[in-house]
Amino acid sequence: MYRVTIDTDACEGIFACLVRDDRFVESDEGLADFEAATAETYRTDEGSVVAEFDDDRLETARQAAAACPPGAITVEELDETADERSEGAVCQ
């Protein structure tokens, strides 16, 4: 699982991310956004849009982030939850 965050205060609407990853779309405000249906979770906060994905496209998301001229996109891998770690330990 990984999280992709768009800093909408930093986004300049250049859309280099859209060319690299089709999950990115243009928002009504003319900034980068996500196609919400593609994400496990999706939320907008003051100054950011955050989506979490559980797929094999982490590298594609990283390429989209790297292509963003103002550096408005961050990608972070998420750790397992405590419940998943505990369950794994019990099952072993």
PDB file of N, CA and C in Angstrom:
ATOM      1  N   MET A   1       0.849  -1.165   0.000  1.00  0.00           N
ATOM      2  CA  MET A   1       0.000   0.000   0.000  1.00  0.00           C
ATOM      3  C   MET A   1       0.899   1.234   0.000  1.00  0.00           C
ATOM      4  N   TYR A   2       0.478   2.263  -0.704  1.00  0.00           N
ATOM      5  CA  TYR A   2       1.234   3.501  -0.753  1.00  0.00           C
ATOM      6  C   TYR A   2       0.278   4.682  -0.852  1.00  0.00           C
ATOM      7  N   ARG A   3       0.777   5.836  -0.440  1.00  0.00           N
ATOM      8  CA  ARG A   3      -0.004   7.065  -0.416  1.00  0.00           C
ATOM      9  C   ARG A   3       0.621   8.075  -1.377  1.00  0.00           C
ATOM     10  N   VAL A   4      -0.238   8.725  -2.142  1.00  0.00           N
ATOM     11  CA  VAL A   4       0.199   9.789  -3.040  1.00  0.00           C
ATOM     12  C   VAL A   4      -0.520  11.065  -2.609  1.00  0.00           C
ATOM     13  N   THR A   5       0.263  12.111  -2.382  1.00  0.00           N
ATOM     14  CA  THR A   5      -0.292  13.386  -1.930  1.00  0.00           C
ATOM     15  C   THR A   5       0.053  14.482  -2.929  1.00  0.00           C
ATOM     16  N   ILE A   6      -0.947  15.258  -3.284  1.00  0.00           N
ATOM     17  CA  ILE A   6      -0.745  16.431  -4.136  1.00  0.00           C
ATOM     18  C   ILE A   6      -0.907  17.659  -3.251  1.00  0.00           C
ATOM     19  N   ASP A   7       0.117  18.468  -3.194  1.00  0.00           N
ATOM     20  CA  ASP A   7       0.058  19.740  -2.487  1.00  0.00           C
ATOM     21  C   ASP A   7      -0.587  20.739  -3.443  1.00  0.00           C
ATOM     22  N   THR A   8      -1.864  21.007  -3.248  1.00  0.00           N
ATOM     23  CA  THR A   8      -2.584  21.868  -4.187  1.00  0.00           C
ATOM     24  C   THR A   8      -2.152  23.326  -4.101  1.00  0.00           C
ATOM     25  N   ASP A   9      -1.498  23.699  -3.006  1.00  0.00           N
ATOM     26  CA  ASP A   9      -0.948  25.052  -2.919  1.00  0.00           C
ATOM     27  C   ASP A   9       0.294  25.194  -3.806  1.00  0.00           C
ATOM     28  N   ALA A  10       1.021  24.100  -4.001  1.00  0.00           N
ATOM     29  CA  ALA A  10       2.234  24.120  -4.824  1.00  0.00           C
ATOM     30  C   ALA A  10       1.958  23.780  -6.292  1.00  0.00           C
ATOM     31  N   CYS A  11       0.871  23.048  -6.545  1.00  0.00           N
ATOM     32  CA  CYS A  11       0.550  22.625  -7.916  1.00  0.00           C
ATOM     33  C   CYS A  11       0.306  23.850  -8.795  1.00  0.00           C
ATOM     34  N   GLU A  12       0.919  23.825  -9.979  1.00  0.00           N
ATOM     35  CA  GLU A  12       0.761  24.934 -10.928  1.00  0.00           C
ATOM     36  C   GLU A  12      -0.063  24.543 -12.155  1.00  0.00           C
ATOM     37  N   GLY A  13      -0.638  23.339 -12.142  1.00  0.00           N
ATOM     38  CA  GLY A  13      -1.464  22.911 -13.262  1.00  0.00           C
ATOM     39  C   GLY A  13      -0.686  22.655 -14.531  1.00  0.00           C
ATOM     40  N   ILE A  14       0.543  22.210 -14.392  1.00  0.00           N
ATOM     41  CA  ILE A  14       1.373  21.892 -15.557  1.00  0.00           C
ATOM     42  C   ILE A  14       0.980  20.531 -16.132  1.00  0.00           C
ATOM     43  N   PHE A  15       0.546  19.627 -15.293  1.00  0.00           N
ATOM     44  CA  PHE A  15      -0.003  18.317 -15.654  1.00  0.00           C
ATOM     45  C   PHE A  15       0.988  17.332 -16.252  1.00  0.00           C
ATOM     46  N   ALA A  16       2.252  17.454 -15.924  1.00  0.00           N
ATOM     47  CA  ALA A  16       3.218  16.435 -16.344  1.00  0.00           C
ATOM     48  C   ALA A  16       2.857  15.091 -15.714  1.00  0.00           C
ATOM     49  N   CYS A  17       2.205  15.116 -14.566  1.00  0.00           N
ATOM     50  CA  CYS A  17       1.794  13.876 -13.886  1.00  0.00           C
ATOM     51  C   CYS A  17       0.762  13.109 -14.708  1.00  0.00           C
ATOM     52  N   LEU A  18      -0.148  13.816 -15.373  1.00  0.00           N
ATOM     53  CA  LEU A  18      -1.188  13.159 -16.161  1.00  0.00           C
ATOM     54  C   LEU A  18      -0.603  12.348 -17.303  1.00  0.00           C
ATOM     55  N   VAL A  19       0.501  12.803 -17.844  1.00  0.00           N
ATOM     56  CA  VAL A  19       1.150  12.104 -18.944  1.00  0.00           C
ATOM     57  C   VAL A  19       1.792  10.809 -18.450  1.00  0.00           C
ATOM     58  N   ARG A  20       2.251  10.782 -17.202  1.00  0.00           N
ATOM     59  CA  ARG A  20       2.966   9.629 -16.641  1.00  0.00           C
ATOM     60  C   ARG A  20       2.041   8.599 -15.989  1.00  0.00           C
ATOM     61  N   ASP A  21       0.879   9.061 -15.474  1.00  0.00           N
ATOM     62  CA  ASP A  21       0.009   8.171 -14.695  1.00  0.00           C
ATOM     63  C   ASP A  21      -1.444   8.580 -14.932  1.00  0.00           C
ATOM     64  N   ASP A  22      -2.223   7.684 -15.524  1.00  0.00           N
ATOM     65  CA  ASP A  22      -3.596   8.025 -15.894  1.00  0.00           C
ATOM     66  C   ASP A  22      -4.565   8.123 -14.721  1.00  0.00           C
ATOM     67  N   ARG A  23      -4.097   7.871 -13.506  1.00  0.00           N
ATOM     68  CA  ARG A  23      -4.953   8.071 -12.337  1.00  0.00           C
ATOM     69  C   ARG A  23      -5.060   9.545 -11.977  1.00  0.00           C
ATOM     70  N   PHE A  24      -4.139  10.354 -12.470  1.00  0.00           N
ATOM     71  CA  PHE A  24      -4.196  11.788 -12.252  1.00  0.00           C
ATOM     72  C   PHE A  24      -5.142  12.401 -13.278  1.00  0.00           C
ATOM     73  N   VAL A  25      -5.919  13.365 -12.834  1.00  0.00           N
ATOM     74  CA  VAL A  25      -6.847  14.076 -13.710  1.00  0.00           C
ATOM     75  C   VAL A  25      -6.791  15.562 -13.374  1.00  0.00           C
ATOM     76  N   GLU A  26      -7.389  16.378 -14.218  1.00  0.00           N
ATOM     77  CA  GLU A  26      -7.485  17.811 -13.943  1.00  0.00           C
ATOM     78  C   GLU A  26      -8.737  18.082 -13.126  1.00  0.00           C
ATOM     79  N   SER A  27      -8.590  18.814 -12.041  1.00  0.00           N
ATOM     80  CA  SER A  27      -9.734  19.168 -11.200  1.00  0.00           C
ATOM     81  C   SER A  27     -10.494  20.339 -11.808  1.00  0.00           C
ATOM     82  N   ASP A  28     -11.645  20.635 -11.235  1.00  0.00           N
ATOM     83  CA  ASP A  28     -12.437  21.785 -11.682  1.00  0.00           C
ATOM     84  C   ASP A  28     -11.689  23.097 -11.467  1.00  0.00           C
ATOM     85  N   GLU A  29     -10.737  23.091 -10.527  1.00  0.00           N
ATOM     86  CA  GLU A  29      -9.941  24.283 -10.240  1.00  0.00           C
ATOM     87  C   GLU A  29      -8.727  24.413 -11.161  1.00  0.00           C
ATOM     88  N   GLY A  30      -8.531  23.467 -12.072  1.00  0.00           N
ATOM     89  CA  GLY A  30      -7.397  23.519 -12.986  1.00  0.00           C
ATOM     90  C   GLY A  30      -6.107  23.006 -12.384  1.00  0.00           C
ATOM     91  N   LEU A  31      -6.215  22.176 -11.338  1.00  0.00           N
ATOM     92  CA  LEU A  31      -5.044  21.595 -10.687  1.00  0.00           C
ATOM     93  C   LEU A  31      -5.091  20.080 -10.814  1.00  0.00           C
ATOM     94  N   ALA A  32      -3.990  19.440 -10.463  1.00  0.00           N
ATOM     95  CA  ALA A  32      -3.951  17.979 -10.503  1.00  0.00           C
ATOM     96  C   ALA A  32      -4.848  17.403  -9.409  1.00  0.00           C
ATOM     97  N   ASP A  33      -5.452  16.295  -9.715  1.00  0.00           N
ATOM     98  CA  ASP A  33      -6.333  15.576  -8.799  1.00  0.00           C
ATOM     99  C   ASP A  33      -6.215  14.097  -9.154  1.00  0.00           C
ATOM    100  N   PHE A  34      -6.983  13.250  -8.488  1.00  0.00           N
ATOM    101  CA  PHE A  34      -7.004  11.821  -8.784  1.00  0.00           C
ATOM    102  C   PHE A  34      -8.381  11.419  -9.271  1.00  0.00           C
ATOM    103  N   GLU A  35      -8.412  10.382 -10.055  1.00  0.00           N
ATOM    104  CA  GLU A  35      -9.661   9.715 -10.369  1.00  0.00           C
ATOM    105  C   GLU A  35      -9.985   8.909  -9.113  1.00  0.00           C
ATOM    106  N   ALA A  36     -10.913   9.391  -8.297  1.00  0.00           N
ATOM    107  CA  ALA A  36     -11.179   8.828  -6.969  1.00  0.00           C
ATOM    108  C   ALA A  36     -11.504   7.334  -7.012  1.00  0.00           C
ATOM    109  N   ALA A  37     -12.155   6.883  -8.048  1.00  0.00           N
ATOM    110  CA  ALA A  37     -12.552   5.476  -8.135  1.00  0.00           C
ATOM    111  C   ALA A  37     -11.357   4.533  -8.237  1.00  0.00           C
ATOM    112  N   THR A  38     -10.190   5.050  -8.589  1.00  0.00           N
ATOM    113  CA  THR A  38      -9.009   4.190  -8.719  1.00  0.00           C
ATOM    114  C   THR A  38      -8.301   3.969  -7.393  1.00  0.00           C
ATOM    115  N   ALA A  39      -8.676   4.719  -6.356  1.00  0.00           N
ATOM    116  CA  ALA A  39      -7.967   4.681  -5.082  1.00  0.00           C
ATOM    117  C   ALA A  39      -8.698   3.823  -4.048  1.00  0.00           C
ATOM    118  N   GLU A  40      -7.920   3.257  -3.136  1.00  0.00           N
ATOM    119  CA  GLU A  40      -8.498   2.559  -1.991  1.00  0.00           C
ATOM    120  C   GLU A  40      -9.159   3.578  -1.064  1.00  0.00           C
ATOM    121  N   THR A  41      -8.455   4.681  -0.821  1.00  0.00           N
ATOM    122  CA  THR A  41      -9.008   5.797  -0.058  1.00  0.00           C
ATOM    123  C   THR A  41      -8.675   7.080  -0.796  1.00  0.00           C
ATOM    124  N   TYR A  42      -9.537   8.066  -0.644  1.00  0.00           N
ATOM    125  CA  TYR A  42      -9.366   9.356  -1.302  1.00  0.00           C
ATOM    126  C   TYR A  42      -9.932  10.423  -0.380  1.00  0.00           C
ATOM    127  N   ARG A  43      -9.169  11.500  -0.194  1.00  0.00           N
ATOM    128  CA  ARG A  43      -9.686  12.604   0.609  1.00  0.00           C
ATOM    129  C   ARG A  43      -9.030  13.906   0.167  1.00  0.00           C
ATOM    130  N   THR A  44      -9.736  14.975   0.397  1.00  0.00           N
ATOM    131  CA  THR A  44      -9.175  16.296   0.181  1.00  0.00           C
ATOM    132  C   THR A  44      -9.100  16.979   1.542  1.00  0.00           C
ATOM    133  N   ASP A  45      -7.987  17.597   1.788  1.00  0.00           N
ATOM    134  CA  ASP A  45      -7.768  18.372   2.997  1.00  0.00           C
ATOM    135  C   ASP A  45      -7.464  19.793   2.564  1.00  0.00           C
ATOM    136  N   GLU A  46      -7.359  20.687   3.501  1.00  0.00           N
ATOM    137  CA  GLU A  46      -6.974  22.059   3.194  1.00  0.00           C
ATOM    138  C   GLU A  46      -5.576  22.054   2.572  1.00  0.00           C
ATOM    139  N   GLY A  47      -5.498  22.356   1.292  1.00  0.00           N
ATOM    140  CA  GLY A  47      -4.201  22.453   0.623  1.00  0.00           C
ATOM    141  C   GLY A  47      -3.635  21.156   0.083  1.00  0.00           C
ATOM    142  N   SER A  48      -4.411  20.060   0.135  1.00  0.00           N
ATOM    143  CA  SER A  48      -3.877  18.809  -0.412  1.00  0.00           C
ATOM    144  C   SER A  48      -4.994  17.857  -0.828  1.00  0.00           C
ATOM    145  N   VAL A  49      -4.610  16.944  -1.698  1.00  0.00           N
ATOM    146  CA  VAL A  49      -5.451  15.824  -2.101  1.00  0.00           C
ATOM    147  C   VAL A  49      -4.632  14.574  -1.822  1.00  0.00           C
ATOM    148  N   VAL A  50      -5.239  13.597  -1.156  1.00  0.00           N
ATOM    149  CA  VAL A  50      -4.513  12.405  -0.741  1.00  0.00           C
ATOM    150  C   VAL A  50      -5.269  11.164  -1.208  1.00  0.00           C
ATOM    151  N   ALA A  51      -4.533  10.243  -1.823  1.00  0.00           N
ATOM    152  CA  ALA A  51      -5.122   8.974  -2.236  1.00  0.00           C
ATOM    153  C   ALA A  51      -4.173   7.846  -1.843  1.00  0.00           C
ATOM    154  N   GLU A  52      -4.752   6.725  -1.437  1.00  0.00           N
ATOM    155  CA  GLU A  52      -3.963   5.543  -1.117  1.00  0.00           C
ATOM    156  C   GLU A  52      -4.320   4.440  -2.102  1.00  0.00           C
ATOM    157  N   PHE A  53      -3.302   3.740  -2.524  1.00  0.00           N
ATOM    158  CA  PHE A  53      -3.463   2.689  -3.531  1.00  0.00           C
ATOM    159  C   PHE A  53      -2.848   1.391  -3.039  1.00  0.00           C
ATOM    160  N   ASP A  54      -3.442   0.284  -3.440  1.00  0.00           N
ATOM    161  CA  ASP A  54      -2.930  -1.038  -3.117  1.00  0.00           C
ATOM    162  C   ASP A  54      -2.861  -1.821  -4.423  1.00  0.00           C
ATOM    163  N   ASP A  55      -1.858  -1.469  -5.232  1.00  0.00           N
ATOM    164  CA  ASP A  55      -1.696  -2.091  -6.539  1.00  0.00           C
ATOM    165  C   ASP A  55      -0.212  -2.169  -6.882  1.00  0.00           C
ATOM    166  N   ASP A  56       0.087  -2.552  -8.091  1.00  0.00           N
ATOM    167  CA  ASP A  56       1.485  -2.714  -8.500  1.00  0.00           C
ATOM    168  C   ASP A  56       2.000  -1.516  -9.298  1.00  0.00           C
ATOM    169  N   ARG A  57       1.421  -0.331  -9.081  1.00  0.00           N
ATOM    170  CA  ARG A  57       1.778   0.846  -9.871  1.00  0.00           C
ATOM    171  C   ARG A  57       2.552   1.890  -9.059  1.00  0.00           C
ATOM    172  N   LEU A  58       3.233   1.452  -8.014  1.00  0.00           N
ATOM    173  CA  LEU A  58       4.015   2.366  -7.186  1.00  0.00           C
ATOM    174  C   LEU A  58       5.052   3.108  -8.019  1.00  0.00           C
ATOM    175  N   GLU A  59       5.766   2.405  -8.869  1.00  0.00           N
ATOM    176  CA  GLU A  59       6.811   3.042  -9.684  1.00  0.00           C
ATOM    177  C   GLU A  59       6.209   4.068 -10.650  1.00  0.00           C
ATOM    178  N   THR A  60       5.036   3.791 -11.173  1.00  0.00           N
ATOM    179  CA  THR A  60       4.355   4.745 -12.051  1.00  0.00           C
ATOM    180  C   THR A  60       4.022   6.024 -11.284  1.00  0.00           C
ATOM    181  N   ALA A  61       3.562   5.877 -10.052  1.00  0.00           N
ATOM    182  CA  ALA A  61       3.264   7.041  -9.215  1.00  0.00           C
ATOM    183  C   ALA A  61       4.539   7.829  -8.921  1.00  0.00           C
ATOM    184  N   ARG A  62       5.619   7.126  -8.667  1.00  0.00           N
ATOM    185  CA  ARG A  62       6.901   7.801  -8.419  1.00  0.00           C
ATOM    186  C   ARG A  62       7.365   8.582  -9.645  1.00  0.00           C
ATOM    187  N   GLN A  63       7.161   8.019 -10.821  1.00  0.00           N
ATOM    188  CA  GLN A  63       7.545   8.706 -12.053  1.00  0.00           C
ATOM    189  C   GLN A  63       6.704   9.966 -12.252  1.00  0.00           C
ATOM    190  N   ALA A  64       5.419   9.885 -11.929  1.00  0.00           N
ATOM    191  CA  ALA A  64       4.558  11.059 -12.027  1.00  0.00           C
ATOM    192  C   ALA A  64       5.019  12.142 -11.058  1.00  0.00           C
ATOM    193  N   ALA A  65       5.377  11.745  -9.848  1.00  0.00           N
ATOM    194  CA  ALA A  65       5.861  12.704  -8.851  1.00  0.00           C
ATOM    195  C   ALA A  65       7.167  13.343  -9.307  1.00  0.00           C
ATOM    196  N   ALA A  66       8.060  12.550  -9.856  1.00  0.00           N
ATOM    197  CA  ALA A  66       9.358  13.065 -10.311  1.00  0.00           C
ATOM    198  C   ALA A  66       9.194  14.028 -11.481  1.00  0.00           C
ATOM    199  N   ALA A  67       8.148  13.860 -12.269  1.00  0.00           N
ATOM    200  CA  ALA A  67       7.919  14.710 -13.434  1.00  0.00           C
ATOM    201  C   ALA A  67       7.296  16.058 -13.076  1.00  0.00           C
ATOM    202  N   CYS A  68       6.838  16.208 -11.848  1.00  0.00           N
ATOM    203  CA  CYS A  68       6.155  17.439 -11.428  1.00  0.00           C
ATOM    204  C   CYS A  68       7.175  18.560 -11.222  1.00  0.00           C
ATOM    205  N   PRO A  69       7.186  19.586 -12.109  1.00  0.00           N
ATOM    206  CA  PRO A  69       8.185  20.657 -11.986  1.00  0.00           C
ATOM    207  C   PRO A  69       8.208  21.361 -10.626  1.00  0.00           C
ATOM    208  N   PRO A  70       7.036  21.694 -10.030  1.00  0.00           N
ATOM    209  CA  PRO A  70       7.124  22.368  -8.730  1.00  0.00           C
ATOM    210  C   PRO A  70       7.278  21.407  -7.547  1.00  0.00           C
ATOM    211  N   GLY A  71       7.343  20.102  -7.809  1.00  0.00           N
ATOM    212  CA  GLY A  71       7.517  19.139  -6.723  1.00  0.00           C
ATOM    213  C   GLY A  71       6.311  19.038  -5.811  1.00  0.00           C
ATOM    214  N   ALA A  72       5.115  19.155  -6.378  1.00  0.00           N
ATOM    215  CA  ALA A  72       3.883  19.178  -5.591  1.00  0.00           C
ATOM    216  C   ALA A  72       3.355  17.792  -5.232  1.00  0.00           C
ATOM    217  N   ILE A  73       4.004  16.730  -5.717  1.00  0.00           N
ATOM    218  CA  ILE A  73       3.502  15.374  -5.497  1.00  0.00           C
ATOM    219  C   ILE A  73       4.514  14.580  -4.678  1.00  0.00           C
ATOM    220  N   THR A  74       4.021  13.924  -3.643  1.00  0.00           N
ATOM    221  CA  THR A  74       4.863  13.030  -2.854  1.00  0.00           C
ATOM    222  C   THR A  74       4.252  11.636  -2.855  1.00  0.00           C
ATOM    223  N   VAL A  75       5.118  10.646  -2.808  1.00  0.00           N
ATOM    224  CA  VAL A  75       4.697   9.247  -2.782  1.00  0.00           C
ATOM    225  C   VAL A  75       5.395   8.593  -1.606  1.00  0.00           C
ATOM    226  N   GLU A  76       4.639   7.889  -0.782  1.00  0.00           N
ATOM    227  CA  GLU A  76       5.245   7.196   0.349  1.00  0.00           C
ATOM    228  C   GLU A  76       4.641   5.811   0.505  1.00  0.00           C
ATOM    229  N   GLU A  77       5.513   4.847   0.712  1.00  0.00           N
ATOM    230  CA  GLU A  77       5.052   3.500   1.006  1.00  0.00           C
ATOM    231  C   GLU A  77       4.549   3.475   2.439  1.00  0.00           C
ATOM    232  N   LEU A  78       3.480   2.728   2.667  1.00  0.00           N
ATOM    233  CA  LEU A  78       2.895   2.642   3.997  1.00  0.00           C
ATOM    234  C   LEU A  78       3.297   1.332   4.657  1.00  0.00           C
ATOM    235  N   ASP A  79       3.563   1.397   5.945  1.00  0.00           N
ATOM    236  CA  ASP A  79       3.882   0.199   6.718  1.00  0.00           C
ATOM    237  C   ASP A  79       2.618  -0.605   6.950  1.00  0.00           C
ATOM    238  N   GLU A  80       2.828  -1.859   7.300  1.00  0.00           N
ATOM    239  CA  GLU A  80       1.700  -2.689   7.700  1.00  0.00           C
ATOM    240  C   GLU A  80       1.083  -2.097   8.957  1.00  0.00           C
ATOM    241  N   THR A  81      -0.200  -2.334   9.140  1.00  0.00           N
ATOM    242  CA  THR A  81      -0.829  -1.896  10.382  1.00  0.00           C
ATOM    243  C   THR A  81      -0.423  -2.837  11.504  1.00  0.00           C
ATOM    244  N   ALA A  82      -0.603  -2.414  12.710  1.00  0.00           N
ATOM    245  CA  ALA A  82      -0.269  -3.253  13.870  1.00  0.00           C
ATOM    246  C   ALA A  82      -1.069  -4.548  13.829  1.00  0.00           C
ATOM    247  N   ASP A  83      -2.330  -4.483  13.395  1.00  0.00           N
ATOM    248  CA  ASP A  83      -3.151  -5.692  13.317  1.00  0.00           C
ATOM    249  C   ASP A  83      -2.577  -6.679  12.318  1.00  0.00           C
ATOM    250  N   GLU A  84      -2.125  -6.210  11.156  1.00  0.00           N
ATOM    251  CA  GLU A  84      -1.542  -7.094  10.157  1.00  0.00           C
ATOM    252  C   GLU A  84      -0.263  -7.728  10.676  1.00  0.00           C
ATOM    253  N   ARG A  85       0.583  -6.955  11.396  1.00  0.00           N
ATOM    254  CA  ARG A  85       1.808  -7.510  11.941  1.00  0.00           C
ATOM    255  C   ARG A  85       1.479  -8.578  12.985  1.00  0.00           C
ATOM    256  N   SER A  86       0.504  -8.308  13.841  1.00  0.00           N
ATOM    257  CA  SER A  86       0.131  -9.266  14.870  1.00  0.00           C
ATOM    258  C   SER A  86      -0.435 -10.534  14.253  1.00  0.00           C
ATOM    259  N   GLU A  87      -1.289 -10.362  13.261  1.00  0.00           N
ATOM    260  CA  GLU A  87      -1.885 -11.514  12.597  1.00  0.00           C
ATOM    261  C   GLU A  87      -0.820 -12.355  11.924  1.00  0.00           C
ATOM    262  N   GLY A  88       0.144 -11.701  11.270  1.00  0.00           N
ATOM    263  CA  GLY A  88       1.241 -12.425  10.623  1.00  0.00           C
ATOM    264  C   GLY A  88       2.052 -13.211  11.625  1.00  0.00           C
ATOM    265  N   ALA A  89       2.292 -12.635  12.787  1.00  0.00           N
ATOM    266  CA  ALA A  89       3.069 -13.306  13.804  1.00  0.00           C
ATOM    267  C   ALA A  89       2.328 -14.524  14.345  1.00  0.00           C
ATOM    268  N   VAL A  90       1.007 -14.418  14.496  1.00  0.00           N
ATOM    269  CA  VAL A  90       0.215 -15.531  15.010  1.00  0.00           C
ATOM    270  C   VAL A  90       0.153 -16.653  13.996  1.00  0.00           C
ATOM    271  N   CYS A  91       0.048 -16.320  12.727  1.00  0.00           N
ATOM    272  CA  CYS A  91      -0.108 -17.330  11.669  1.00  0.00           C
ATOM    273  C   CYS A  91       1.201 -18.061  11.374  1.00  0.00           C
ATOM    274  N   GLN A  92       2.327 -17.527  11.795  1.00  0.00           N
ATOM    275  CA  GLN A  92       3.592 -18.156  11.446  1.00  0.00           C
ATOM    276  C   GLN A  92       3.898 -19.281  12.326  1.00  0.00           C
TER     277      GLN A  92
END
